[in-house]
Amino acid sequence: MTDWLVLAGCFVIAFTAWLLDDKVRGAAADARLAAFVAEDRDGAVVGPDDVERLGPLALGALNGEAQWGARTGALARLVAAGRLHRMPQDTPGQGRWESRDAPPSDADEFERELWDAARPLHLRNPAFSPGQGEGEYLWELRAPNSWHLVKSAEARLLGEGWTRARFEMVPGLPLRWGRWSAIAAAATVPAVTVLLLDQAWVRAGLAFLIGAMALRKVFPDGPAMPRNLTTVTGKGEAVLRVARERYAELDPATRPATEPYDPGQVRMAVALFGFAVLDRIDARIKDDWAREAVVSWGPGE
């Protein structure tokens, strides 16, 4: 019975030491992360024309949702410009959307493909959408040949230092010796000796194994405490903050309800302030899209 108590004591001591060393190493890693983030933000510099140069597509990617934001912004712009209409109730194709007239003269490739995908079946390019003859549901609209715009924007953000690669670890994480694990490893030596003298060979082996595991936690190159950086750099946070200040009048939280959005402002508004803008354009956009996925995207999300 005493042998089992000795073995249990070894395990409790070692486990407690592991927790204490992990806590010390985790606190050091958190401190390094906080210092790195503070340094990164302090060194962020945004040029006077960076906001306009990046444009709504790249800013939307910085805001956390490149593909959803790009497609939603383009659709909202077409609706605001009167180039995309919802089919009325009690008519063929009710609940679907259909494009009208011509796409805006300054429309990019993304908007033009979405506009073409919503044209009547006998007019549209069948490569974009094989759907019904009376309009299209929003979640069916595709822009298959223009996703390279989103990928190019993401690559540009990465190349210019507005974002960083996913799962990038904090550089210079401190290496800490496991002081408590060293004490636990040392404590197993007399325990193993006692068990060997009692000829409790199995329990002595288990105690030795616990000591070896504790010793593994002693060295700085032992189990690490990783900390991943956010994908948006301090520079990216700064340009988003500048953009929201510069386009503060587009924020639906403060914009007067009676003031409509100019179609040319819609994509920037969606990029910076998220899906709340859709309620000010046409609430049916978000309502219809909710059939495919529940979305709640806005600043900081």
C-alpha atoms as a PDB file:
ATOM      1  CA  MET A   1       0.000   0.000   0.000  1.00  0.00           C
ATOM      2  CA  THR A   2       2.874   2.341   0.868  1.00  0.00           C
ATOM      3  CA  ASP A   3       4.448   1.684  -2.530  1.00  0.00           C
ATOM      4  CA  TRP A   4       1.307   2.837  -4.305  1.00  0.00           C
ATOM      5  CA  LEU A   5       1.186   5.984  -2.157  1.00  0.00           C
ATOM      6  CA  VAL A   6       4.808   6.762  -3.083  1.00  0.00           C
ATOM      7  CA  LEU A   7       3.993   6.306  -6.787  1.00  0.00           C
ATOM      8  CA  ALA A   8       0.865   8.464  -6.502  1.00  0.00           C
ATOM      9  CA  GLY A   9       2.878  11.145  -4.725  1.00  0.00           C
ATOM     10  CA  CYS A  10       5.400  11.189  -7.560  1.00  0.00           C
ATOM     11  CA  PHE A  11       2.636  11.655 -10.102  1.00  0.00           C
ATOM     12  CA  VAL A  12       0.927  14.454  -8.152  1.00  0.00           C
ATOM     13  CA  ILE A  13       4.216  16.297  -7.649  1.00  0.00           C
ATOM     14  CA  ALA A  14       5.171  15.956 -11.322  1.00  0.00           C
ATOM     15  CA  PHE A  15       1.734  16.958 -12.615  1.00  0.00           C
ATOM     16  CA  THR A  16       1.654  20.028 -10.366  1.00  0.00           C
ATOM     17  CA  ALA A  17       5.156  20.975 -11.543  1.00  0.00           C
ATOM     18  CA  TRP A  18       4.079  20.668 -15.197  1.00  0.00           C
ATOM     19  CA  LEU A  19       1.142  22.996 -14.602  1.00  0.00           C
ATOM     20  CA  LEU A  20       3.303  25.553 -12.795  1.00  0.00           C
ATOM     21  CA  ASP A  21       5.976  25.547 -15.508  1.00  0.00           C
ATOM     22  CA  ASP A  22       3.355  25.804 -18.244  1.00  0.00           C
ATOM     23  CA  LYS A  23       1.861  28.787 -16.423  1.00  0.00           C
ATOM     24  CA  VAL A  24       5.258  30.498 -16.204  1.00  0.00           C
ATOM     25  CA  ARG A  25       6.052  29.793 -19.849  1.00  0.00           C
ATOM     26  CA  GLY A  26       2.579  30.865 -20.950  1.00  0.00           C
ATOM     27  CA  ALA A  27       2.876  34.172 -19.080  1.00  0.00           C
ATOM     28  CA  ALA A  28       6.242  34.805 -20.730  1.00  0.00           C
ATOM     29  CA  ALA A  29       4.795  33.997 -24.164  1.00  0.00           C
ATOM     30  CA  ASP A  30       1.798  36.291 -23.561  1.00  0.00           C
ATOM     31  CA  ALA A  31       4.116  39.104 -22.491  1.00  0.00           C
ATOM     32  CA  ARG A  32       6.201  38.660 -25.639  1.00  0.00           C
ATOM     33  CA  LEU A  33       3.055  38.629 -27.787  1.00  0.00           C
ATOM     34  CA  ALA A  34       1.779  41.836 -26.168  1.00  0.00           C
ATOM     35  CA  ALA A  35       5.160  43.518 -26.621  1.00  0.00           C
ATOM     36  CA  PHE A  36       5.368  42.460 -30.275  1.00  0.00           C
ATOM     37  CA  VAL A  37       1.833  43.659 -31.050  1.00  0.00           C
ATOM     38  CA  ALA A  38       2.461  46.997 -29.306  1.00  0.00           C
ATOM     39  CA  GLU A  39       5.718  47.462 -31.227  1.00  0.00           C
ATOM     40  CA  ASP A  40       4.022  46.493 -34.498  1.00  0.00           C
ATOM     41  CA  ARG A  41       1.221  49.009 -33.941  1.00  0.00           C
ATOM     42  CA  ASP A  42       3.587  51.788 -32.865  1.00  0.00           C
ATOM     43  CA  GLY A  43       5.637  51.345 -36.019  1.00  0.00           C
ATOM     44  CA  ALA A  44       2.620  51.342 -38.365  1.00  0.00           C
ATOM     45  CA  VAL A  45       2.690  54.091 -40.984  1.00  0.00           C
ATOM     46  CA  VAL A  46      -0.194  54.776 -43.366  1.00  0.00           C
ATOM     47  CA  GLY A  47       0.331  56.968 -46.395  1.00  0.00           C
ATOM     48  CA  PRO A  48      -2.166  59.712 -47.331  1.00  0.00           C
ATOM     49  CA  ASP A  49      -3.376  57.835 -50.402  1.00  0.00           C
ATOM     50  CA  ASP A  50      -3.222  54.258 -49.092  1.00  0.00           C
ATOM     51  CA  VAL A  51      -6.960  54.036 -48.393  1.00  0.00           C
ATOM     52  CA  GLU A  52      -7.965  55.036 -51.908  1.00  0.00           C
ATOM     53  CA  ARG A  53      -5.153  53.001 -53.447  1.00  0.00           C
ATOM     54  CA  LEU A  54      -6.280  49.813 -51.706  1.00  0.00           C
ATOM     55  CA  GLY A  55      -9.945  50.340 -52.507  1.00  0.00           C
ATOM     56  CA  PRO A  56     -13.003  48.509 -51.145  1.00  0.00           C
ATOM     57  CA  LEU A  57     -11.962  45.040 -52.308  1.00  0.00           C
ATOM     58  CA  ALA A  58      -8.693  45.001 -50.345  1.00  0.00           C
ATOM     59  CA  LEU A  59     -10.173  46.883 -47.379  1.00  0.00           C
ATOM     60  CA  GLY A  60     -12.992  44.343 -47.196  1.00  0.00           C
ATOM     61  CA  ALA A  61     -10.421  41.561 -47.070  1.00  0.00           C
ATOM     62  CA  LEU A  62      -8.663  43.369 -44.219  1.00  0.00           C
ATOM     63  CA  ASN A  63     -11.996  43.657 -42.430  1.00  0.00           C
ATOM     64  CA  GLY A  64     -12.178  39.896 -42.223  1.00  0.00           C
ATOM     65  CA  GLU A  65     -14.293  38.554 -45.080  1.00  0.00           C
ATOM     66  CA  ALA A  66     -12.814  38.803 -48.535  1.00  0.00           C
ATOM     67  CA  GLN A  67     -15.108  36.570 -50.578  1.00  0.00           C
ATOM     68  CA  TRP A  68     -18.409  37.236 -48.779  1.00  0.00           C
ATOM     69  CA  GLY A  69     -17.650  40.946 -48.620  1.00  0.00           C
ATOM     70  CA  ALA A  70     -16.639  41.200 -52.255  1.00  0.00           C
ATOM     71  CA  ARG A  71     -19.754  39.468 -53.560  1.00  0.00           C
ATOM     72  CA  THR A  72     -22.105  41.260 -51.172  1.00  0.00           C
ATOM     73  CA  GLY A  73     -20.618  44.663 -51.898  1.00  0.00           C
ATOM     74  CA  ALA A  74     -20.902  44.099 -55.639  1.00  0.00           C
ATOM     75  CA  LEU A  75     -24.526  42.932 -55.369  1.00  0.00           C
ATOM     76  CA  ALA A  76     -25.486  45.827 -53.105  1.00  0.00           C
ATOM     77  CA  ARG A  77     -23.926  48.280 -55.518  1.00  0.00           C
ATOM     78  CA  LEU A  78     -25.945  46.810 -58.415  1.00  0.00           C
ATOM     79  CA  VAL A  79     -29.155  47.046 -56.361  1.00  0.00           C
ATOM     80  CA  ALA A  80     -28.416  50.626 -55.298  1.00  0.00           C
ATOM     81  CA  ALA A  81     -27.717  51.567 -58.911  1.00  0.00           C
ATOM     82  CA  GLY A  82     -31.042  50.059 -60.011  1.00  0.00           C
ATOM     83  CA  ARG A  83     -29.365  47.380 -62.111  1.00  0.00           C
ATOM     84  CA  LEU A  84     -30.576  44.412 -60.032  1.00  0.00           C
ATOM     85  CA  HIS A  85     -34.258  44.043 -59.097  1.00  0.00           C
ATOM     86  CA  ARG A  86     -36.155  41.537 -57.012  1.00  0.00           C
ATOM     87  CA  MET A  87     -39.044  39.867 -58.783  1.00  0.00           C
ATOM     88  CA  PRO A  88     -42.318  40.882 -57.103  1.00  0.00           C
ATOM     89  CA  GLN A  89     -44.580  38.463 -55.237  1.00  0.00           C
ATOM     90  CA  ASP A  90     -47.247  36.517 -57.132  1.00  0.00           C
ATOM     91  CA  THR A  91     -45.258  36.646 -60.368  1.00  0.00           C
ATOM     92  CA  PRO A  92     -43.155  34.006 -62.126  1.00  0.00           C
ATOM     93  CA  GLY A  93     -39.781  33.789 -60.436  1.00  0.00           C
ATOM     94  CA  GLN A  94     -40.913  35.465 -57.204  1.00  0.00           C
ATOM     95  CA  GLY A  95     -38.126  35.779 -54.676  1.00  0.00           C
ATOM     96  CA  ARG A  96     -35.524  35.795 -57.446  1.00  0.00           C
ATOM     97  CA  TRP A  97     -33.463  38.718 -58.687  1.00  0.00           C
ATOM     98  CA  GLU A  98     -33.061  39.882 -62.265  1.00  0.00           C
ATOM     99  CA  SER A  99     -30.679  42.375 -63.823  1.00  0.00           C
ATOM    100  CA  ARG A 100     -31.953  45.314 -65.816  1.00  0.00           C
ATOM    101  CA  ASP A 101     -30.540  47.805 -68.328  1.00  0.00           C
ATOM    102  CA  ALA A 102     -26.743  47.639 -68.523  1.00  0.00           C
ATOM    103  CA  PRO A 103     -24.100  47.297 -65.812  1.00  0.00           C
ATOM    104  CA  PRO A 104     -22.682  50.586 -64.492  1.00  0.00           C
ATOM    105  CA  SER A 105     -20.117  52.089 -66.825  1.00  0.00           C
ATOM    106  CA  ASP A 106     -17.424  51.905 -64.137  1.00  0.00           C
ATOM    107  CA  ALA A 107     -18.314  48.357 -63.006  1.00  0.00           C
ATOM    108  CA  ASP A 108     -15.403  46.030 -62.469  1.00  0.00           C
ATOM    109  CA  GLU A 109     -15.220  42.440 -63.688  1.00  0.00           C
ATOM    110  CA  PHE A 110     -16.841  41.148 -60.498  1.00  0.00           C
ATOM    111  CA  GLU A 111     -19.938  43.336 -60.864  1.00  0.00           C
ATOM    112  CA  ARG A 112     -20.242  42.637 -64.570  1.00  0.00           C
ATOM    113  CA  GLU A 113     -20.256  38.867 -64.075  1.00  0.00           C
ATOM    114  CA  LEU A 114     -22.854  39.039 -61.292  1.00  0.00           C
ATOM    115  CA  TRP A 115     -24.988  41.330 -63.428  1.00  0.00           C
ATOM    116  CA  ASP A 116     -24.708  38.927 -66.365  1.00  0.00           C
ATOM    117  CA  ALA A 117     -25.535  35.927 -64.133  1.00  0.00           C
ATOM    118  CA  ALA A 118     -28.868  37.535 -63.217  1.00  0.00           C
ATOM    119  CA  ARG A 119     -29.954  38.340 -66.776  1.00  0.00           C
ATOM    120  CA  PRO A 120     -32.921  36.474 -68.280  1.00  0.00           C
ATOM    121  CA  LEU A 121     -31.933  33.007 -69.393  1.00  0.00           C
ATOM    122  CA  HIS A 122     -32.074  33.741 -73.113  1.00  0.00           C
ATOM    123  CA  LEU A 123     -29.725  36.708 -72.688  1.00  0.00           C
ATOM    124  CA  ARG A 124     -27.190  35.658 -70.087  1.00  0.00           C
ATOM    125  CA  ASN A 125     -23.884  33.945 -70.563  1.00  0.00           C
ATOM    126  CA  PRO A 126     -24.654  30.315 -69.592  1.00  0.00           C
ATOM    127  CA  ALA A 127     -21.126  29.867 -68.251  1.00  0.00           C
ATOM    128  CA  PHE A 128     -21.953  32.098 -65.282  1.00  0.00           C
ATOM    129  CA  SER A 129     -25.227  30.533 -64.149  1.00  0.00           C
ATOM    130  CA  PRO A 130     -27.270  27.576 -65.419  1.00  0.00           C
ATOM    131  CA  GLY A 131     -30.328  28.492 -63.357  1.00  0.00           C
ATOM    132  CA  GLN A 132     -33.961  29.312 -63.965  1.00  0.00           C
ATOM    133  CA  GLY A 133     -35.486  31.376 -66.716  1.00  0.00           C
ATOM    134  CA  GLU A 134     -36.974  33.972 -64.404  1.00  0.00           C
ATOM    135  CA  GLY A 135     -34.148  35.533 -62.451  1.00  0.00           C
ATOM    136  CA  GLU A 136     -31.791  33.972 -59.948  1.00  0.00           C
ATOM    137  CA  TYR A 137     -31.683  33.521 -56.195  1.00  0.00           C
ATOM    138  CA  LEU A 138     -28.865  35.560 -54.686  1.00  0.00           C
ATOM    139  CA  TRP A 139     -26.967  32.532 -53.419  1.00  0.00           C
ATOM    140  CA  GLU A 140     -26.982  31.097 -56.950  1.00  0.00           C
ATOM    141  CA  LEU A 141     -25.242  34.088 -58.504  1.00  0.00           C
ATOM    142  CA  ARG A 142     -21.629  33.332 -59.329  1.00  0.00           C
ATOM    143  CA  ALA A 143     -18.697  35.225 -60.770  1.00  0.00           C
ATOM    144  CA  PRO A 144     -16.456  32.294 -61.721  1.00  0.00           C
ATOM    145  CA  ASN A 145     -13.915  34.213 -63.771  1.00  0.00           C
ATOM    146  CA  SER A 146     -13.301  37.129 -61.435  1.00  0.00           C
ATOM    147  CA  TRP A 147     -12.344  35.501 -58.143  1.00  0.00           C
ATOM    148  CA  HIS A 148      -8.788  36.247 -59.195  1.00  0.00           C
ATOM    149  CA  LEU A 149      -9.567  39.848 -58.190  1.00  0.00           C
ATOM    150  CA  VAL A 150     -10.065  38.722 -54.594  1.00  0.00           C
ATOM    151  CA  LYS A 151      -6.966  36.522 -54.672  1.00  0.00           C
ATOM    152  CA  SER A 152      -4.926  39.341 -56.175  1.00  0.00           C
ATOM    153  CA  ALA A 153      -6.123  41.708 -53.457  1.00  0.00           C
ATOM    154  CA  GLU A 154      -5.178  39.193 -50.757  1.00  0.00           C
ATOM    155  CA  ALA A 155      -1.751  38.664 -52.327  1.00  0.00           C
ATOM    156  CA  ARG A 156      -1.235  42.409 -52.518  1.00  0.00           C
ATOM    157  CA  LEU A 157      -2.126  42.860 -48.854  1.00  0.00           C
ATOM    158  CA  LEU A 158       0.369  40.176 -47.909  1.00  0.00           C
ATOM    159  CA  GLY A 159       3.104  41.536 -50.162  1.00  0.00           C
ATOM    160  CA  GLU A 160       2.760  45.117 -48.915  1.00  0.00           C
ATOM    161  CA  GLY A 161       2.712  44.155 -45.250  1.00  0.00           C
ATOM    162  CA  TRP A 162      -0.955  44.839 -44.477  1.00  0.00           C
ATOM    163  CA  THR A 163      -1.448  41.174 -43.565  1.00  0.00           C
ATOM    164  CA  ARG A 164       0.778  38.261 -42.626  1.00  0.00           C
ATOM    165  CA  ALA A 165       0.616  34.549 -43.360  1.00  0.00           C
ATOM    166  CA  ARG A 166      -1.853  32.465 -41.355  1.00  0.00           C
ATOM    167  CA  PHE A 167      -0.568  30.699 -38.254  1.00  0.00           C
ATOM    168  CA  GLU A 168       2.593  32.816 -38.132  1.00  0.00           C
ATOM    169  CA  MET A 169       4.114  32.494 -34.684  1.00  0.00           C
ATOM    170  CA  VAL A 170       5.360  35.317 -32.492  1.00  0.00           C
ATOM    171  CA  PRO A 171       9.095  35.727 -33.140  1.00  0.00           C
ATOM    172  CA  GLY A 172      11.522  35.596 -30.266  1.00  0.00           C
ATOM    173  CA  LEU A 173       9.401  33.650 -27.816  1.00  0.00           C
ATOM    174  CA  PRO A 174      11.465  33.366 -24.616  1.00  0.00           C
ATOM    175  CA  LEU A 175      12.871  29.988 -23.596  1.00  0.00           C
ATOM    176  CA  ARG A 176      12.261  29.197 -19.940  1.00  0.00           C
ATOM    177  CA  TRP A 177      13.820  26.482 -17.871  1.00  0.00           C
ATOM    178  CA  GLY A 178      11.290  24.316 -16.059  1.00  0.00           C
ATOM    179  CA  ARG A 179      12.337  25.020 -12.479  1.00  0.00           C
ATOM    180  CA  TRP A 180       9.386  23.219 -10.926  1.00  0.00           C
ATOM    181  CA  SER A 181       9.797  20.228 -13.232  1.00  0.00           C
ATOM    182  CA  ALA A 182      13.447  19.997 -12.184  1.00  0.00           C
ATOM    183  CA  ILE A 183      12.367  19.809  -8.558  1.00  0.00           C
ATOM    184  CA  ALA A 184       9.788  17.133  -9.432  1.00  0.00           C
ATOM    185  CA  ALA A 185      12.382  15.118 -11.377  1.00  0.00           C
ATOM    186  CA  ALA A 186      14.760  15.298  -8.438  1.00  0.00           C
ATOM    187  CA  ALA A 187      11.993  14.192  -6.058  1.00  0.00           C
ATOM    188  CA  THR A 188      11.492  10.952  -8.008  1.00  0.00           C
ATOM    189  CA  VAL A 189      15.081   9.808  -7.333  1.00  0.00           C
ATOM    190  CA  PRO A 190      14.526   8.861  -3.656  1.00  0.00           C
ATOM    191  CA  ALA A 191      11.075   7.508  -4.547  1.00  0.00           C
ATOM    192  CA  VAL A 192      12.569   5.150  -7.156  1.00  0.00           C
ATOM    193  CA  THR A 193      15.243   4.113  -4.661  1.00  0.00           C
ATOM    194  CA  VAL A 194      12.672   3.256  -1.989  1.00  0.00           C
ATOM    195  CA  LEU A 195      10.580   1.274  -4.453  1.00  0.00           C
ATOM    196  CA  LEU A 196      13.600  -0.670  -5.679  1.00  0.00           C
ATOM    197  CA  LEU A 197      14.579  -1.537  -2.110  1.00  0.00           C
ATOM    198  CA  ASP A 198      11.012  -2.796  -1.598  1.00  0.00           C
ATOM    199  CA  GLN A 199      11.390  -4.838  -4.814  1.00  0.00           C
ATOM    200  CA  ALA A 200       8.349  -3.075  -6.283  1.00  0.00           C
ATOM    201  CA  TRP A 201       9.843  -3.332  -9.750  1.00  0.00           C
ATOM    202  CA  VAL A 202       6.813  -2.202 -11.771  1.00  0.00           C
ATOM    203  CA  ARG A 203       6.067   0.745  -9.524  1.00  0.00           C
ATOM    204  CA  ALA A 204       9.741   1.709  -9.531  1.00  0.00           C
ATOM    205  CA  GLY A 205       9.692   1.677 -13.344  1.00  0.00           C
ATOM    206  CA  LEU A 206       6.579   3.855 -13.419  1.00  0.00           C
ATOM    207  CA  ALA A 207       8.119   6.304 -10.961  1.00  0.00           C
ATOM    208  CA  PHE A 208      11.264   6.426 -13.116  1.00  0.00           C
ATOM    209  CA  LEU A 209       9.102   7.125 -16.192  1.00  0.00           C
ATOM    210  CA  ILE A 210       7.327   9.972 -14.386  1.00  0.00           C
ATOM    211  CA  GLY A 211      10.703  11.421 -13.429  1.00  0.00           C
ATOM    212  CA  ALA A 212      11.945  11.184 -17.013  1.00  0.00           C
ATOM    213  CA  MET A 213       8.839  12.996 -18.273  1.00  0.00           C
ATOM    214  CA  ALA A 214       9.333  15.692 -15.664  1.00  0.00           C
ATOM    215  CA  LEU A 215      12.966  16.038 -16.711  1.00  0.00           C
ATOM    216  CA  ARG A 216      11.845  16.485 -20.338  1.00  0.00           C
ATOM    217  CA  LYS A 217       9.908  19.566 -19.244  1.00  0.00           C
ATOM    218  CA  VAL A 218      12.968  21.096 -17.609  1.00  0.00           C
ATOM    219  CA  PHE A 219      14.858  22.076 -20.740  1.00  0.00           C
ATOM    220  CA  PRO A 220      14.003  25.214 -22.771  1.00  0.00           C
ATOM    221  CA  ASP A 221      13.631  23.173 -25.960  1.00  0.00           C
ATOM    222  CA  GLY A 222      10.940  21.076 -24.322  1.00  0.00           C
ATOM    223  CA  PRO A 223       7.194  21.433 -25.051  1.00  0.00           C
ATOM    224  CA  ALA A 224       6.623  24.945 -26.404  1.00  0.00           C
ATOM    225  CA  MET A 225       3.935  27.500 -25.619  1.00  0.00           C
ATOM    226  CA  PRO A 226       3.064  28.693 -29.157  1.00  0.00           C
ATOM    227  CA  ARG A 227       1.354  32.002 -29.754  1.00  0.00           C
ATOM    228  CA  ASN A 228       0.020  32.795 -33.221  1.00  0.00           C
ATOM    229  CA  LEU A 229      -0.196  36.314 -34.564  1.00  0.00           C
ATOM    230  CA  THR A 230      -3.369  37.700 -36.120  1.00  0.00           C
ATOM    231  CA  THR A 231      -3.368  37.808 -39.905  1.00  0.00           C
ATOM    232  CA  VAL A 232      -3.861  41.598 -39.915  1.00  0.00           C
ATOM    233  CA  THR A 233      -0.686  43.499 -39.057  1.00  0.00           C
ATOM    234  CA  GLY A 234      -0.479  46.739 -37.110  1.00  0.00           C
ATOM    235  CA  LYS A 235      -0.189  48.522 -40.441  1.00  0.00           C
ATOM    236  CA  GLY A 236      -3.390  46.848 -41.628  1.00  0.00           C
ATOM    237  CA  GLU A 237      -5.234  47.816 -38.438  1.00  0.00           C
ATOM    238  CA  ALA A 238      -4.063  51.394 -38.893  1.00  0.00           C
ATOM    239  CA  VAL A 239      -5.264  51.700 -42.489  1.00  0.00           C
ATOM    240  CA  LEU A 240      -8.663  50.283 -41.525  1.00  0.00           C
ATOM    241  CA  ARG A 241      -8.921  52.804 -38.707  1.00  0.00           C
ATOM    242  CA  VAL A 242      -7.966  55.663 -41.043  1.00  0.00           C
ATOM    243  CA  ALA A 243     -10.462  54.447 -43.656  1.00  0.00           C
ATOM    244  CA  ARG A 244     -13.329  54.321 -41.140  1.00  0.00           C
ATOM    245  CA  GLU A 245     -12.486  57.812 -39.954  1.00  0.00           C
ATOM    246  CA  ARG A 246     -12.251  59.130 -43.505  1.00  0.00           C
ATOM    247  CA  TYR A 247     -15.553  57.506 -44.515  1.00  0.00           C
ATOM    248  CA  ALA A 248     -17.322  57.952 -41.189  1.00  0.00           C
ATOM    249  CA  GLU A 249     -20.369  59.351 -43.000  1.00  0.00           C
ATOM    250  CA  LEU A 250     -20.957  55.866 -44.473  1.00  0.00           C
ATOM    251  CA  ASP A 251     -21.370  54.221 -41.061  1.00  0.00           C
ATOM    252  CA  PRO A 252     -25.027  53.081 -40.865  1.00  0.00           C
ATOM    253  CA  ALA A 253     -24.908  53.419 -37.071  1.00  0.00           C
ATOM    254  CA  THR A 254     -24.564  57.202 -37.345  1.00  0.00           C
ATOM    255  CA  ARG A 255     -25.844  57.974 -40.845  1.00  0.00           C
ATOM    256  CA  PRO A 256     -29.337  59.567 -40.885  1.00  0.00           C
ATOM    257  CA  ALA A 257     -31.984  57.037 -41.877  1.00  0.00           C
ATOM    258  CA  THR A 258     -33.361  59.428 -44.492  1.00  0.00           C
ATOM    259  CA  GLU A 259     -30.030  59.807 -46.277  1.00  0.00           C
ATOM    260  CA  PRO A 260     -29.638  57.167 -48.990  1.00  0.00           C
ATOM    261  CA  TYR A 261     -26.289  55.804 -50.085  1.00  0.00           C
ATOM    262  CA  ASP A 262     -24.944  56.933 -53.407  1.00  0.00           C
ATOM    263  CA  PRO A 263     -24.322  53.806 -55.537  1.00  0.00           C
ATOM    264  CA  GLY A 264     -20.676  54.762 -55.818  1.00  0.00           C
ATOM    265  CA  GLN A 265     -20.345  54.645 -52.023  1.00  0.00           C
ATOM    266  CA  VAL A 266     -21.941  51.262 -51.456  1.00  0.00           C
ATOM    267  CA  ARG A 267     -18.948  48.971 -51.936  1.00  0.00           C
ATOM    268  CA  MET A 268     -16.756  51.058 -49.643  1.00  0.00           C
ATOM    269  CA  ALA A 269     -19.545  51.190 -47.056  1.00  0.00           C
ATOM    270  CA  VAL A 270     -19.957  47.399 -47.092  1.00  0.00           C
ATOM    271  CA  ALA A 271     -16.177  46.858 -46.986  1.00  0.00           C
ATOM    272  CA  LEU A 272     -15.730  49.060 -43.912  1.00  0.00           C
ATOM    273  CA  PHE A 273     -18.985  48.636 -41.997  1.00  0.00           C
ATOM    274  CA  GLY A 274     -20.252  45.224 -43.000  1.00  0.00           C
ATOM    275  CA  PHE A 275     -23.664  43.798 -43.703  1.00  0.00           C
ATOM    276  CA  ALA A 276     -25.505  46.386 -41.601  1.00  0.00           C
ATOM    277  CA  VAL A 277     -25.252  48.597 -44.691  1.00  0.00           C
ATOM    278  CA  LEU A 278     -27.536  46.212 -46.598  1.00  0.00           C
ATOM    279  CA  ASP A 279     -30.541  47.196 -44.487  1.00  0.00           C
ATOM    280  CA  ARG A 280     -30.120  50.731 -45.820  1.00  0.00           C
ATOM    281  CA  ILE A 281     -29.900  49.567 -49.431  1.00  0.00           C
ATOM    282  CA  ASP A 282     -32.562  46.863 -49.517  1.00  0.00           C
ATOM    283  CA  ALA A 283     -33.235  44.626 -46.507  1.00  0.00           C
ATOM    284  CA  ARG A 284     -34.323  41.854 -48.847  1.00  0.00           C
ATOM    285  CA  ILE A 285     -30.688  41.320 -49.862  1.00  0.00           C
ATOM    286  CA  LYS A 286     -29.783  40.059 -46.409  1.00  0.00           C
ATOM    287  CA  ASP A 287     -33.130  38.315 -45.928  1.00  0.00           C
ATOM    288  CA  ASP A 288     -32.755  36.343 -49.146  1.00  0.00           C
ATOM    289  CA  TRP A 289     -29.138  35.537 -48.489  1.00  0.00           C
ATOM    290  CA  ALA A 290     -30.020  34.150 -45.050  1.00  0.00           C
ATOM    291  CA  ARG A 291     -31.486  31.115 -46.806  1.00  0.00           C
ATOM    292  CA  GLU A 292     -27.960  30.023 -47.698  1.00  0.00           C
ATOM    293  CA  ALA A 293     -26.013  31.106 -44.610  1.00  0.00           C
ATOM    294  CA  VAL A 294     -26.497  33.220 -41.518  1.00  0.00           C
ATOM    295  CA  VAL A 295     -24.090  36.131 -41.775  1.00  0.00           C
ATOM    296  CA  SER A 296     -23.261  38.780 -39.194  1.00  0.00           C
ATOM    297  CA  TRP A 297     -20.230  40.587 -40.426  1.00  0.00           C
ATOM    298  CA  GLY A 298     -19.231  44.065 -39.379  1.00  0.00           C
ATOM    299  CA  PRO A 299     -16.280  46.130 -38.180  1.00  0.00           C
ATOM    300  CA  GLY A 300     -13.921  44.093 -36.054  1.00  0.00           C
ATOM    301  CA  GLU A 301     -15.663  40.750 -36.632  1.00  0.00           C
END
